[in-house]
Structure formats: structure tokens, C-alpha cells
């Protein structure tokens, strides 16, 4: 189509000196017509293609397809196999592997790595190849003007063919762009480390949530078993009381009192059952598994054993814990790295104020048969500078430099915040530990009273109603004690997380910590990956 519009036979060269003006006017007019026609055809073609290929979205099909894919992934989770039963260590491992937020963090880590590599590859020079082929309908003939007479004379020679074919391979290196690319590459590498610190902190918080949900579930299960046992025992007292009422040996109010205690126990058991189901669902969510996935939790490691291994709050030095936290918190490492990023921002703006120097080397080829040399090599250097842009960049550099000072102030604020968090966490641990001791003592007293009431009931000095009342008191005391036990465990774990300690260090003796030591693996450690945990 394009060649039809442009191709036509030129007039004889023998008559080039005669009627040249009319010839060029005719040819010029014809070329304009052909160009207009070609442009119209091109516009119409693009428009018709665009209309025929208009994008249409089928939202219903897209939703059904994505839903089927998501449900398939969830169904795969329902058949996942776990150790039976799951210990706390295994719950933490499964959570770090399968938690959806941690999965997203791992994907983001891969994205950050690719982005950092892309910035590094941006430091390479430009290597380009270009080629051009064109054809014109007539020879390139020029007119010449006599500078004395002003008369124009049509030339009768040319040094170019109708068909033009040129190509070149060019290597270009911009020194200024190389420097800016280097700074951007370094910023990307530092940003990668910042994201790694964020993932470490994310894993610490997830371990805290998993531990809290684990102990709640285990203790609630034990409380439910305890209530069921007492409920069964109270039912026997109820049957015995009903028989005595039928024999008119005791007042019916005694049987109704026992029935009231039994009803309260049933209400408590039902509440514990509902609470345990909710905690199991929350624990499954944190572990990244479906609510329909069945798993059992181990209870051979008692929570009381963990409490006994905890240090006495009175023996913990707040100032020593401050230093431990300031040397271990991932956020503070991120703040140090953020300062480097801002410094490179300022350096980039400062560097952009310098002239742009470009070095070029090329290998060229031209198929023009009129040229004596069709191939040649070329090298060159170019310098460019926009002087009117310097004031704007200077002010931008000053702003970036002030940003560095702002980041330092933010790091100082973060340091003060971490210190305050340590004191708050320590105070909370002290209060929860003392509260647990009180609730534990109250529960032990209630247990002793229940045992003594049972013994005296056998001797006939204590009624069945009094025994069931003691049972209810014991249940309430046990529930309060176990909730306090969960609180003190969570408070101590919160203190450890506030100090910036990974789950693997939670069982270390806090009294023996070297407060001035930073984590030995801070340069390389990251969140647990599924492949690594499987090897373990």
C-alpha cells in the first residue's frame, strides 16, 4: 500500500534541464496527496483495530475463577499433616512457615532482591544497535544560487542513492548517570536490609501472638476438662439429694441449691467450650491454616514449668534491660540504615548539579555506493550543563540534607520510645507475676477447702450443698488463676519481644545476658523459610 502511494516512474533525465519547475511542482503536489492518503488510511486502520479489539471484562467469570483457585489452596491446607500433638516450638515453626503475612513478606523479599539487582545492572553503559532503510521516488538534487547575480541554477549531480540503508553499533557511557546509578544501587541494597529488619521484627511479633494463643488454648482445654469432672461429681450429689428429697429426709431447697450449682457449672463449661473454639480458630489463622484443619496441642510441657523458670522481676535491672533492647531491636538497625538512604538521597542531588559527560564509541556502515568508505569508526565526548537548573537543585540538596537531620531526630525519638517500652513491659511483668502468685494462692486455698469439705461430707458434718458450693468456688478460683497464668506468660514474652529477642532465645537466662552484645547473626539472619525448616 505504501509503495503504491509513493512509487511512480520519474521523467527522462535527458529533459531535466527543461521544464524543471513544472516537473517539481507536479511531483511535489503528487507527494503531498500520497502522504495525506497514507495518513488517512493509517488513522482509519488504527481506529478500526482499536474498536474491534476493545477490552471487555467479565467480572463474574473472573470472580469464579479466582474463587476456585483460592478454595483449592484452602482445601489443600485442610489436608496438611502436623506432628500429633503440636508443641509450642512446632506451633511457632508452622506459623512462621504458613502465616499468610509471612508468605507475603517472603514474596516481597524476592521482589526487593530483583529490584536491587535491577538497580545494580543500571550501572552498565548503553550498548545500542540502530538501522534505517528508506526509499525515495527521485534523486536528491539541489538548486544553487549565484551569490553575485542571485540567479538559481538546478544542479545536475547527486551523491546519494534513492534507496538508503545505514546501521551503527554504539557504546555510550554517561559518567554522571553512572554515579547516580551507583548511589541508587546502594540505596536499593540498603533498602533490602531495611526490609529484612522489618521481617525479623514481624516474626518476633508473630511468635508472641502464637505463644499467647497456644497457652490460652492449652489452659482453656485443661479448665474445660476440670469443669467437666467437677460437673460429673456434682451430678452424683444431685442424684443423691433427689433421692433424699424423695424419702423426705432433707429439705427440697438443698436439692434445688445443688441444681443451681450444677447449672452454673454447665454455663461455665459452655462458655469455656465456646472460648476454646474461638481461640483454636484464631490460632489456626495465625498458623496460616484453614479453620477446618484438625490439630491437637501437647500439654506435657506445663505452663507452670515455664513460670518457674522465669526470673524474679525484682532481680531484673531496668537500665541493663534498656541496653539489651537498644542493641537488639531490629527497628534501631532499620533507623541506622534509613540514615544512610537519606544521605545518599542528598548525595544524588548534589551529584546531579555537575555537568553531564558522555563518552561515545560507534561502528557505522552506510550502503551508499557514492561513498568512498562505507564503514567507519567514530569516538566522541560531549558535555552538557543546564546552568539555570543549578539553583533549584541546590535548594533541593539543602532540603535533602535537612532530611538527614530529621532522620537522626526520629532515631533519637525511637530510642527514647524503646526505653519507655522496656520500662512499661517490665512493670507489666512485675504486676502480672505478683497477681498470678495471689490468684495461685487463692486457688490452692480453694482446693484445700474442697478436699476438706469432701472428707467432712463423708463424716456427715458437711452437707452436699456445701460441697457443691466449694466446687463452684474452686472452679472460679481455677479459672481466675489460669487467666492470670496466661497473662503472666504473655507479659514475660512481651518483655522478651520488647528486648528484640527472637523466639529461639526466649529460654535463655535473662540474668546472664551480655547487654552490650549485638546478635551474632544480625548480618545474615532472616525469617524461617519452609525449605530450611524441613531440613531441620
Protein backbone atom coordinates (compact mmCIF):
# COMPACT_ATOMS: atom_id res chain seq x y z
CA UNK A 1 0.00 0.00 0.00
CA UNK A 2 2.77 2.39 0.94
CA UNK A 3 4.81 1.60 -2.17
CA UNK A 4 1.77 2.08 -4.38
CA UNK A 5 1.29 5.54 -2.97
CA UNK A 6 4.87 6.56 -3.50
CA UNK A 7 6.18 4.70 -6.50
CA UNK A 8 5.97 6.28 -9.91
CA UNK A 9 8.32 6.49 -12.86
CA UNK A 10 10.36 9.72 -12.99
CA UNK A 11 10.71 11.63 -16.21
CA UNK A 12 13.63 11.15 -18.52
CA UNK A 13 16.89 12.57 -17.23
CA UNK A 14 17.60 14.00 -20.66
CA UNK A 15 14.90 16.62 -20.18
CA UNK A 16 15.91 17.51 -16.62
CA UNK A 17 17.09 20.97 -17.66
CA UNK A 18 13.77 21.83 -19.37
CA UNK A 19 10.50 22.39 -17.63
CA UNK A 20 12.15 21.65 -14.30
CA UNK A 21 9.89 23.99 -12.40
CA UNK A 22 6.65 22.40 -13.64
CA UNK A 23 8.06 18.93 -13.03
CA UNK A 24 8.95 19.61 -9.41
CA UNK A 25 5.63 21.36 -8.75
CA UNK A 26 3.74 18.37 -10.15
CA UNK A 27 5.82 15.86 -8.24
CA UNK A 28 5.59 17.85 -5.02
CA UNK A 29 1.81 18.06 -5.32
CA UNK A 30 1.57 14.34 -6.01
CA UNK A 31 3.72 13.52 -2.98
CA UNK A 32 1.50 15.65 -0.72
CA UNK A 33 -1.60 13.85 -1.97
CA UNK A 34 0.01 10.47 -1.39
CA UNK A 35 1.12 11.42 2.11
CA UNK A 36 -2.38 12.61 3.04
CA UNK A 37 -3.92 9.46 1.66
CA UNK A 38 -1.46 7.26 3.53
CA UNK A 39 -2.07 9.12 6.81
CA UNK A 40 -5.83 8.78 6.42
CA UNK A 41 -5.53 5.07 5.73
CA UNK A 42 -3.24 4.64 8.75
CA UNK A 43 -5.61 6.50 11.08
CA UNK A 44 -8.60 4.54 9.83
CA UNK A 45 -6.74 1.25 10.29
CA UNK A 46 -5.72 2.07 13.85
CA UNK A 47 -9.23 3.22 14.72
CA UNK A 48 -10.86 0.10 13.27
CA UNK A 49 -8.40 -2.21 15.03
CA UNK A 50 -8.95 -0.39 18.31
CA UNK A 51 -12.72 -0.67 18.02
CA UNK A 52 -12.62 -4.34 17.12
CA UNK A 53 -10.23 -5.18 19.97
CA UNK A 54 -11.97 -3.16 22.67
CA UNK A 55 -11.20 -4.71 26.07
CA UNK A 56 -14.17 -6.23 27.86
CA UNK A 57 -14.13 -7.53 31.43
CA UNK A 58 -16.21 -10.48 32.53
CA UNK A 59 -16.31 -9.78 36.26
CA UNK A 60 -18.43 -12.83 37.05
CA UNK A 61 -16.08 -15.27 35.33
CA UNK A 62 -13.03 -13.60 36.84
CA UNK A 63 -14.53 -13.86 40.36
CA UNK A 64 -15.47 -17.52 39.86
CA UNK A 65 -12.02 -18.42 38.52
CA UNK A 66 -10.18 -16.66 41.35
CA UNK A 67 -12.54 -18.12 43.94
CA UNK A 68 -11.96 -21.63 42.64
CA UNK A 69 -8.20 -21.10 42.82
CA UNK A 70 -8.39 -19.74 46.39
CA UNK A 71 -10.69 -22.52 47.59
CA UNK A 72 -8.37 -25.10 46.09
CA UNK A 73 -5.47 -23.63 48.08
CA UNK A 74 -7.57 -23.63 51.26
CA UNK A 75 -8.66 -27.23 50.73
CA UNK A 76 -5.01 -28.20 50.36
CA UNK A 77 -4.40 -26.66 53.80
CA UNK A 78 -7.14 -28.81 55.32
CA UNK A 79 -5.18 -31.96 54.46
CA UNK A 80 -1.86 -30.68 55.84
CA UNK A 81 -0.19 -33.08 58.24
CA UNK A 82 1.31 -31.90 61.51
CA UNK A 83 3.08 -33.61 64.39
CA UNK A 84 0.49 -35.02 66.77
CA UNK A 85 0.30 -33.36 69.19
CA UNK A 86 1.81 -29.94 68.42
CA UNK A 87 4.26 -28.48 70.91
CA UNK A 88 4.84 -24.75 71.26
CA UNK A 89 8.04 -24.98 69.21
CA UNK A 90 6.18 -26.72 66.39
CA UNK A 91 3.34 -24.18 66.51
CA UNK A 92 5.86 -21.35 66.11
CA UNK A 93 7.59 -23.16 63.24
CA UNK A 94 4.35 -23.87 61.38
CA UNK A 95 3.22 -20.29 61.90
CA UNK A 96 6.44 -18.80 60.53
CA UNK A 97 6.17 -21.10 57.52
CA UNK A 98 2.50 -20.77 56.66
CA UNK A 99 1.26 -17.47 58.05
CA UNK A 100 -0.11 -15.51 55.10
CA UNK A 101 1.52 -12.25 56.17
CA UNK A 102 4.87 -14.01 56.42
CA UNK A 103 4.33 -15.52 52.97
CA UNK A 104 3.72 -12.06 51.58
CA UNK A 105 6.88 -10.86 53.33
CA UNK A 106 8.89 -13.62 51.67
CA UNK A 107 7.47 -12.68 48.25
CA UNK A 108 8.27 -9.04 48.92
CA UNK A 109 11.80 -10.08 49.84
CA UNK A 110 12.22 -11.69 46.42
CA UNK A 111 10.82 -8.56 44.77
CA UNK A 112 13.26 -6.38 46.71
CA UNK A 113 16.16 -8.60 45.65
CA UNK A 114 15.18 -8.32 41.99
CA UNK A 115 14.76 -4.56 42.30
CA UNK A 116 18.18 -4.22 43.92
CA UNK A 117 19.76 -6.29 41.14
CA UNK A 118 17.98 -4.17 38.53
CA UNK A 119 19.45 -1.01 40.06
CA UNK A 120 22.89 -2.59 40.05
CA UNK A 121 22.58 -3.56 36.38
CA UNK A 122 21.57 0.02 35.67
CA UNK A 123 25.22 0.98 36.17
CA UNK A 124 26.17 -0.69 32.86
CA UNK A 125 26.88 1.56 29.85
CA UNK A 126 24.46 1.80 26.93
CA UNK A 127 25.07 -0.55 24.01
CA UNK A 128 22.65 0.09 21.17
CA UNK A 129 22.12 -1.00 17.59
CA UNK A 130 20.21 1.09 15.08
CA UNK A 131 19.38 0.58 11.46
CA UNK A 132 17.42 2.56 8.91
CA UNK A 133 16.19 1.68 5.42
CA UNK A 134 14.27 4.12 3.26
CA UNK A 135 13.44 4.77 -0.37
CA UNK A 136 12.62 8.00 -2.15
CA UNK A 137 10.95 8.36 -5.54
CA UNK A 138 13.59 10.63 -7.08
CA UNK A 139 17.18 11.65 -6.65
CA UNK A 140 18.20 14.25 -4.11
CA UNK A 141 19.04 17.16 -6.46
CA UNK A 142 19.65 20.65 -5.06
CA UNK A 143 19.43 24.14 -6.50
CA UNK A 144 22.36 26.54 -6.27
CA UNK A 145 22.24 30.35 -6.11
CA UNK A 146 24.82 32.59 -7.70
CA UNK A 147 25.94 34.99 -4.95
CA UNK A 148 26.69 37.72 -7.47
CA UNK A 149 23.62 37.57 -9.68
CA UNK A 150 21.18 35.90 -7.31
CA UNK A 151 20.16 33.53 -10.09
CA UNK A 152 19.22 29.97 -9.05
CA UNK A 153 20.68 27.10 -11.04
CA UNK A 154 19.45 23.50 -10.80
CA UNK A 155 22.24 21.03 -10.13
CA UNK A 156 22.66 18.04 -12.37
CA UNK A 157 24.62 15.78 -10.00
CA UNK A 158 23.84 13.79 -6.83
CA UNK A 159 25.87 11.86 -4.26
CA UNK A 160 23.12 9.72 -2.73
CA UNK A 161 21.03 6.83 -3.96
CA UNK A 162 17.28 6.61 -3.94
CA UNK A 163 17.48 3.66 -1.55
CA UNK A 164 19.18 4.44 1.76
CA UNK A 165 20.43 1.78 4.18
CA UNK A 166 22.50 2.71 7.21
CA UNK A 167 23.28 1.00 10.52
CA UNK A 168 25.52 1.50 13.50
CA UNK A 169 26.51 -0.13 16.80
CA UNK A 170 27.11 2.43 19.54
CA UNK A 171 28.63 2.14 23.02
CA UNK A 172 27.80 5.10 25.23
CA UNK A 173 28.76 5.82 28.84
CA UNK A 174 27.41 8.76 30.79
CA UNK A 175 29.70 9.38 33.74
CA UNK A 176 27.08 11.35 35.65
CA UNK A 177 24.43 8.68 35.13
CA UNK A 178 26.92 6.06 36.28
CA UNK A 179 27.44 7.91 39.55
CA UNK A 180 23.71 8.34 40.09
CA UNK A 181 23.11 4.67 39.25
CA UNK A 182 25.75 3.67 41.78
CA UNK A 183 24.01 5.66 44.52
CA UNK A 184 20.62 4.24 43.56
CA UNK A 185 22.08 0.74 43.61
CA UNK A 186 23.48 1.31 47.07
CA UNK A 187 20.15 2.70 48.25
CA UNK A 188 18.38 -0.39 46.91
CA UNK A 189 20.83 -2.65 48.76
CA UNK A 190 20.30 -0.71 51.99
CA UNK A 191 16.54 -0.80 51.43
CA UNK A 192 16.81 -4.58 51.13
CA UNK A 193 18.41 -4.70 54.57
CA UNK A 194 15.69 -2.43 55.99
CA UNK A 195 13.02 -4.81 54.74
CA UNK A 196 14.93 -7.72 56.28
CA UNK A 197 14.90 -5.98 59.67
CA UNK A 198 11.16 -5.41 59.30
CA UNK A 199 10.62 -9.11 58.58
CA UNK A 200 12.64 -10.08 61.65
CA UNK A 201 10.50 -7.82 63.81
CA UNK A 202 7.37 -9.18 62.17
CA UNK A 203 8.43 -12.75 63.01
CA UNK A 204 9.07 -11.76 66.65
CA UNK A 205 5.58 -10.28 67.00
CA UNK A 206 4.03 -13.30 65.29
CA UNK A 207 5.83 -15.63 67.72
CA UNK A 208 4.37 -13.59 70.59
CA UNK A 209 0.83 -13.89 69.22
CA UNK A 210 1.25 -17.61 68.54
CA UNK A 211 2.59 -18.25 72.03
CA UNK A 212 -0.27 -16.33 73.64
CA UNK A 213 -2.90 -18.19 71.60
CA UNK A 214 -1.19 -21.53 72.30
CA UNK A 215 -1.21 -21.15 76.07
CA UNK A 216 -4.77 -19.84 76.07
CA UNK A 217 -5.90 -22.87 74.12
CA UNK A 218 -3.98 -25.36 76.29
CA UNK A 219 -5.12 -23.86 79.59
CA UNK A 220 -8.72 -23.48 78.42
CA UNK A 221 -8.72 -27.15 77.41
CA UNK A 222 -7.47 -28.13 80.87
CA UNK A 223 -10.04 -25.90 82.55
CA UNK A 224 -12.80 -27.46 80.48
CA UNK A 225 -11.69 -30.96 81.48
CA UNK A 226 -11.57 -29.86 85.11
CA UNK A 227 -15.06 -28.35 84.96
CA UNK A 228 -16.44 -31.47 83.26
CA UNK A 229 -15.01 -33.65 86.03
CA UNK A 230 -16.46 -31.46 88.77
CA UNK A 231 -19.76 -31.27 86.89
CA UNK A 232 -19.90 -35.07 86.83
CA UNK A 233 -19.18 -35.20 90.55
CA UNK A 234 -21.84 -32.56 91.25
CA UNK A 235 -24.32 -34.59 89.22
CA UNK A 236 -23.80 -37.51 91.60
CA UNK A 237 -24.50 -35.21 94.55
CA UNK A 238 -27.64 -34.02 92.74
CA UNK A 239 -28.90 -37.59 92.28
CA UNK A 240 -28.17 -38.36 95.92
CA UNK A 241 -30.03 -35.22 97.02
CA UNK A 242 -33.02 -36.05 94.83
CA UNK A 243 -33.25 -39.49 96.44
CA UNK A 244 -33.13 -37.96 99.93
CA UNK A 245 -35.80 -35.43 98.98
CA UNK A 246 -37.99 -38.24 97.68
CA UNK A 247 -37.52 -40.00 101.02
CA UNK A 248 -38.32 -36.70 102.77
CA UNK A 249 -35.07 -36.87 104.67
CA UNK A 250 -33.81 -33.43 103.58
CA UNK A 251 -35.39 -30.12 102.64
CA UNK A 252 -36.04 -29.74 98.85
CA UNK A 253 -34.20 -26.42 99.00
CA UNK A 254 -30.96 -28.38 99.36
CA UNK A 255 -31.58 -30.24 96.11
CA UNK A 256 -32.51 -27.02 94.34
CA UNK A 257 -29.33 -25.41 95.65
CA UNK A 258 -27.24 -28.26 94.27
CA UNK A 259 -29.15 -27.99 90.98
CA UNK A 260 -28.30 -24.26 90.88
CA UNK A 261 -24.60 -25.01 91.37
CA UNK A 262 -24.80 -27.67 88.68
CA UNK A 263 -26.44 -25.21 86.30
CA UNK A 264 -23.68 -22.68 86.95
CA UNK A 265 -21.09 -25.34 86.17
CA UNK A 266 -22.84 -26.15 82.89
CA UNK A 267 -22.88 -22.46 81.96
CA UNK A 268 -19.18 -22.22 82.76
CA UNK A 269 -18.40 -25.32 80.72
CA UNK A 270 -20.38 -23.99 77.77
CA UNK A 271 -18.53 -20.68 77.96
CA UNK A 272 -15.18 -22.46 78.07
CA UNK A 273 -16.18 -24.61 75.10
CA UNK A 274 -17.07 -21.52 73.05
CA UNK A 275 -13.92 -19.71 74.15
CA UNK A 276 -11.73 -22.67 73.25
CA UNK A 277 -13.30 -22.90 69.78
CA UNK A 278 -12.64 -19.20 69.15
CA UNK A 279 -9.05 -19.49 70.37
CA UNK A 280 -8.46 -22.52 68.14
CA UNK A 281 -9.76 -20.61 65.11
CA UNK A 282 -7.52 -17.65 65.96
CA UNK A 283 -4.54 -19.94 66.46
CA UNK A 284 -5.21 -21.60 63.10
CA UNK A 285 -5.38 -18.19 61.45
CA UNK A 286 -2.02 -17.21 62.95
CA UNK A 287 -0.56 -20.53 61.81
CA UNK A 288 -1.86 -19.87 58.30
CA UNK A 289 -4.09 -22.95 58.12
CA UNK A 290 -7.78 -23.47 57.43
CA UNK A 291 -10.30 -23.40 60.32
CA UNK A 292 -11.30 -26.93 59.24
CA UNK A 293 -7.77 -28.28 59.70
CA UNK A 294 -7.63 -30.57 62.71
CA UNK A 295 -4.69 -30.44 65.09
CA UNK A 296 -4.03 -31.28 68.72
CA UNK A 297 -1.85 -29.36 71.16
CA UNK A 298 0.61 -31.02 73.50
CA UNK A 299 0.27 -30.29 77.20
CA UNK A 300 3.14 -32.28 78.61
CA UNK A 301 5.10 -29.05 78.97
CA UNK A 302 3.08 -27.28 81.63
CA UNK A 303 2.73 -23.53 81.76
CA UNK A 304 3.65 -23.71 85.43
CA UNK A 305 7.06 -25.04 84.42
CA UNK A 306 7.64 -22.01 82.21
CA UNK A 307 6.64 -19.71 85.06
CA UNK A 308 9.05 -21.38 87.45
CA UNK A 309 11.91 -20.78 85.00
CA UNK A 310 11.11 -17.09 84.68
CA UNK A 311 13.43 -14.72 86.53
CA UNK A 312 12.22 -12.84 89.56
CA UNK A 313 11.07 -9.37 88.47
CA UNK A 314 12.87 -7.82 91.41
CA UNK A 315 16.18 -9.18 90.11
CA UNK A 316 15.90 -7.51 86.69
CA UNK A 317 17.81 -4.25 86.32
CA UNK A 318 15.84 -1.81 84.12
CA UNK A 319 18.95 0.02 82.93
CA UNK A 320 20.58 -3.24 81.93
CA UNK A 321 17.46 -4.26 80.02
CA UNK A 322 17.49 -0.88 78.27
CA UNK A 323 20.95 -1.58 76.83
CA UNK A 324 19.92 -5.10 75.81
CA UNK A 325 16.94 -3.71 73.93
CA UNK A 326 18.92 -0.91 72.27
CA UNK A 327 21.43 -3.46 70.98
CA UNK A 328 18.88 -5.97 69.71
CA UNK A 329 15.77 -4.20 68.44
CA UNK A 330 15.53 -4.55 64.62
CA UNK A 331 13.83 -1.14 64.36
CA UNK A 332 17.00 0.57 65.56
CA UNK A 333 19.07 -1.21 62.92
CA UNK A 334 16.49 -0.05 60.38
CA UNK A 335 16.84 3.52 61.66
CA UNK A 336 20.63 3.35 61.18
CA UNK A 337 20.13 2.13 57.63
CA UNK A 338 17.46 4.74 56.90
CA UNK A 339 20.00 7.46 57.69
CA UNK A 340 22.31 6.03 55.02
CA UNK A 341 19.47 6.08 52.49
CA UNK A 342 18.76 9.74 53.21
CA UNK A 343 22.44 10.59 52.97
CA UNK A 344 22.59 9.00 49.53
CA UNK A 345 19.50 11.00 48.54
CA UNK A 346 21.38 14.18 49.35
CA UNK A 347 24.48 12.95 47.52
CA UNK A 348 22.41 12.16 44.43
CA UNK A 349 21.02 15.69 44.26
CA UNK A 350 24.48 17.15 44.83
CA UNK A 351 25.98 14.97 42.12
CA UNK A 352 23.27 15.95 39.63
CA UNK A 353 24.50 19.56 39.83
CA UNK A 354 27.68 18.60 37.96
CA UNK A 355 27.91 18.63 34.14
CA UNK A 356 26.84 15.55 32.25
CA UNK A 357 29.81 13.99 30.44
CA UNK A 358 29.10 11.34 27.82
CA UNK A 359 31.68 9.14 26.10
CA UNK A 360 30.67 7.54 22.78
CA UNK A 361 32.21 4.94 20.50
CA UNK A 362 30.46 3.61 17.41
CA UNK A 363 30.93 1.40 14.38
CA UNK A 364 28.96 2.72 11.36
CA UNK A 365 28.01 1.32 7.96
CA UNK A 366 26.33 3.05 5.02
CA UNK A 367 25.37 1.18 1.83
CA UNK A 368 25.57 4.37 -0.27
CA UNK A 369 27.62 3.41 -3.35
CA UNK A 370 28.73 7.02 -3.84
CA UNK A 371 30.77 6.93 -0.60
CA UNK A 372 34.44 6.10 -0.84
CA UNK A 373 34.30 4.47 2.65
CA UNK A 374 31.16 2.61 3.54
CA UNK A 375 32.33 1.62 7.04
CA UNK A 376 33.97 3.82 9.64
CA UNK A 377 34.53 4.03 13.39
CA UNK A 378 33.86 7.07 15.50
CA UNK A 379 34.57 8.18 19.06
CA UNK A 380 33.43 11.29 20.81
CA UNK A 381 32.83 13.12 24.04
CA UNK A 382 30.04 15.53 24.87
CA UNK A 383 29.44 17.82 27.84
CA UNK A 384 26.08 19.29 28.81
CA UNK A 385 25.11 21.59 31.65
CA UNK A 386 21.89 23.44 32.46
CA UNK A 387 23.06 26.42 34.47
CA UNK A 388 19.55 27.70 35.20
CA UNK A 389 18.74 24.37 36.87
CA UNK A 390 21.52 24.71 39.45
CA UNK A 391 19.62 26.99 41.92
CA UNK A 392 16.69 24.56 42.01
CA UNK A 393 18.95 21.57 42.61
CA UNK A 394 20.88 23.47 45.26
CA UNK A 395 17.70 24.13 47.24
CA UNK A 396 16.69 20.51 46.76
CA UNK A 397 20.07 19.42 48.11
CA UNK A 398 19.60 21.61 51.19
CA UNK A 399 16.18 20.03 51.77
CA UNK A 400 17.63 16.52 51.46
CA UNK A 401 20.44 17.43 53.83
CA UNK A 402 17.90 18.59 56.39
CA UNK A 403 16.08 15.29 55.93
CA UNK A 404 19.20 13.55 57.25
CA UNK A 405 18.96 15.64 60.40
CA UNK A 406 15.28 14.77 60.67
CA UNK A 407 16.05 11.05 60.41
CA UNK A 408 18.60 11.39 63.20
CA UNK A 409 15.97 13.09 65.36
CA UNK A 410 13.50 10.31 64.54
CA UNK A 411 16.08 7.72 65.56
CA UNK A 412 16.56 9.55 68.86
CA UNK A 413 12.78 9.55 69.35
CA UNK A 414 12.71 5.83 68.57
CA UNK A 415 15.47 5.20 71.10
CA UNK A 416 13.53 7.06 73.77
CA UNK A 417 10.39 5.13 72.83
CA UNK A 418 12.19 1.78 73.10
CA UNK A 419 13.49 2.71 76.55
CA UNK A 420 9.95 3.62 77.65
CA UNK A 421 8.62 0.34 76.22
CA UNK A 422 11.17 -1.63 78.25
CA UNK A 423 10.06 0.04 81.49
CA UNK A 424 6.37 -0.46 80.65
CA UNK A 425 6.91 -4.14 79.78
CA UNK A 426 8.95 -4.74 82.93
CA UNK A 427 6.35 -3.03 85.11
CA UNK A 428 3.58 -5.07 83.49
CA UNK A 429 5.55 -8.27 84.09
CA UNK A 430 6.03 -7.37 87.74
CA UNK A 431 2.33 -6.66 88.23
CA UNK A 432 1.17 -9.78 86.37
CA UNK A 433 3.66 -12.00 88.19
CA UNK A 434 2.52 -10.73 91.58
CA UNK A 435 -1.12 -11.07 90.56
CA UNK A 436 -0.52 -14.64 89.45
CA UNK A 437 1.03 -15.53 92.80
CA UNK A 438 -2.05 -14.17 94.57
CA UNK A 439 -4.52 -15.99 92.31
CA UNK A 440 -2.48 -19.18 92.55
CA UNK A 441 -2.53 -18.99 96.34
CA UNK A 442 -6.29 -18.37 96.31
CA UNK A 443 -6.79 -21.41 94.10
CA UNK A 444 -4.67 -23.61 96.36
CA UNK A 445 -6.74 -22.50 99.34
CA UNK A 446 -9.95 -23.26 97.43
CA UNK A 447 -8.60 -26.73 96.55
CA UNK A 448 -7.76 -27.41 100.21
CA UNK A 449 -11.21 -26.27 101.31
CA UNK A 450 -12.83 -28.53 98.71
CA UNK A 451 -10.80 -31.55 99.81
CA UNK A 452 -11.59 -30.89 103.48
CA UNK A 453 -15.28 -30.47 102.62
CA UNK A 454 -15.29 -33.83 100.86
CA UNK A 455 -13.71 -35.52 103.87
CA UNK A 456 -16.19 -33.93 106.27
CA UNK A 457 -19.05 -34.79 103.93
CA UNK A 458 -18.14 -38.43 104.33
CA UNK A 459 -18.25 -37.93 108.11
CA UNK A 460 -21.61 -36.19 107.81
CA UNK A 461 -20.51 -32.81 109.17
CA UNK A 462 -20.74 -31.01 105.80
CA UNK A 463 -23.77 -31.17 103.54
CA UNK A 464 -23.76 -31.98 99.84
CA UNK A 465 -24.85 -28.42 99.08
CA UNK A 466 -21.81 -27.05 100.88
CA UNK A 467 -19.57 -29.40 98.91
CA UNK A 468 -21.03 -28.25 95.60
CA UNK A 469 -20.59 -24.65 96.70
CA UNK A 470 -16.93 -25.40 97.39
CA UNK A 471 -16.71 -26.98 93.93
CA UNK A 472 -18.03 -23.83 92.32
CA UNK A 473 -15.62 -21.70 94.33
CA UNK A 474 -12.76 -23.93 93.20
CA UNK A 475 -13.79 -23.68 89.56
CA UNK A 476 -13.95 -19.89 89.74
CA UNK A 477 -10.58 -19.73 91.52
CA UNK A 478 -9.03 -22.08 88.93
CA UNK A 479 -10.34 -20.04 86.01
CA UNK A 480 -9.05 -16.81 87.53
CA UNK A 481 -5.72 -18.43 88.27
CA UNK A 482 -5.32 -19.80 84.72
CA UNK A 483 -6.26 -16.49 83.13
CA UNK A 484 -3.67 -14.85 85.35
CA UNK A 485 -1.20 -17.56 84.32
CA UNK A 486 -1.81 -16.73 80.66
CA UNK A 487 -1.36 -13.05 81.43
CA UNK A 488 1.98 -13.52 83.18
CA UNK A 489 3.28 -15.76 80.38
CA UNK A 490 2.25 -13.18 77.79
CA UNK A 491 3.71 -10.34 79.88
CA UNK A 492 7.09 -12.05 80.11
CA UNK A 493 7.10 -12.92 76.42
CA UNK A 494 6.17 -9.32 75.66
CA UNK A 495 9.19 -8.23 77.69
CA UNK A 496 11.41 -10.54 75.63
CA UNK A 497 9.96 -9.22 72.37
CA UNK A 498 10.40 -5.66 73.65
CA UNK A 499 14.06 -6.51 74.14
CA UNK A 500 14.19 -7.58 70.47
CA UNK A 501 14.85 -11.28 71.14
CA UNK A 502 13.90 -13.97 68.64
CA UNK A 503 11.85 -16.95 69.80
CA UNK A 504 14.95 -19.14 69.76
CA UNK A 505 16.40 -17.06 72.62
CA UNK A 506 13.33 -16.95 74.84
CA UNK A 507 14.56 -19.80 77.02
CA UNK A 508 17.94 -18.22 77.68
CA UNK A 509 18.61 -16.91 81.17
CA UNK A 510 17.82 -13.22 81.04
CA UNK A 511 20.02 -12.58 84.06
CA UNK A 512 23.10 -13.80 82.15
CA UNK A 513 22.64 -11.69 79.01
CA UNK A 514 25.57 -9.60 77.81
CA UNK A 515 23.81 -6.27 77.49
CA UNK A 516 26.46 -4.79 75.17
CA UNK A 517 26.41 -7.66 72.65
CA UNK A 518 24.50 -7.41 69.38
CA UNK A 519 23.05 -10.56 67.75
CA UNK A 520 25.89 -12.59 66.26
CA UNK A 521 23.89 -13.39 63.13
CA UNK A 522 22.49 -9.90 62.55
CA UNK A 523 24.25 -9.68 59.17
CA UNK A 524 22.55 -12.76 57.73
CA UNK A 525 19.54 -13.90 59.76
CA UNK A 526 16.06 -13.69 58.32
CA UNK A 527 12.64 -15.22 58.89
CA UNK A 528 12.39 -19.00 58.81
CA UNK A 529 11.82 -20.37 55.33
CA UNK A 530 9.94 -23.62 54.66
CA UNK A 531 12.92 -25.24 52.95
CA UNK A 532 15.15 -24.50 55.93
CA UNK A 533 12.67 -25.80 58.47
CA UNK A 534 12.15 -29.02 56.52
CA UNK A 535 15.87 -29.67 56.63
CA UNK A 536 15.76 -29.18 60.38
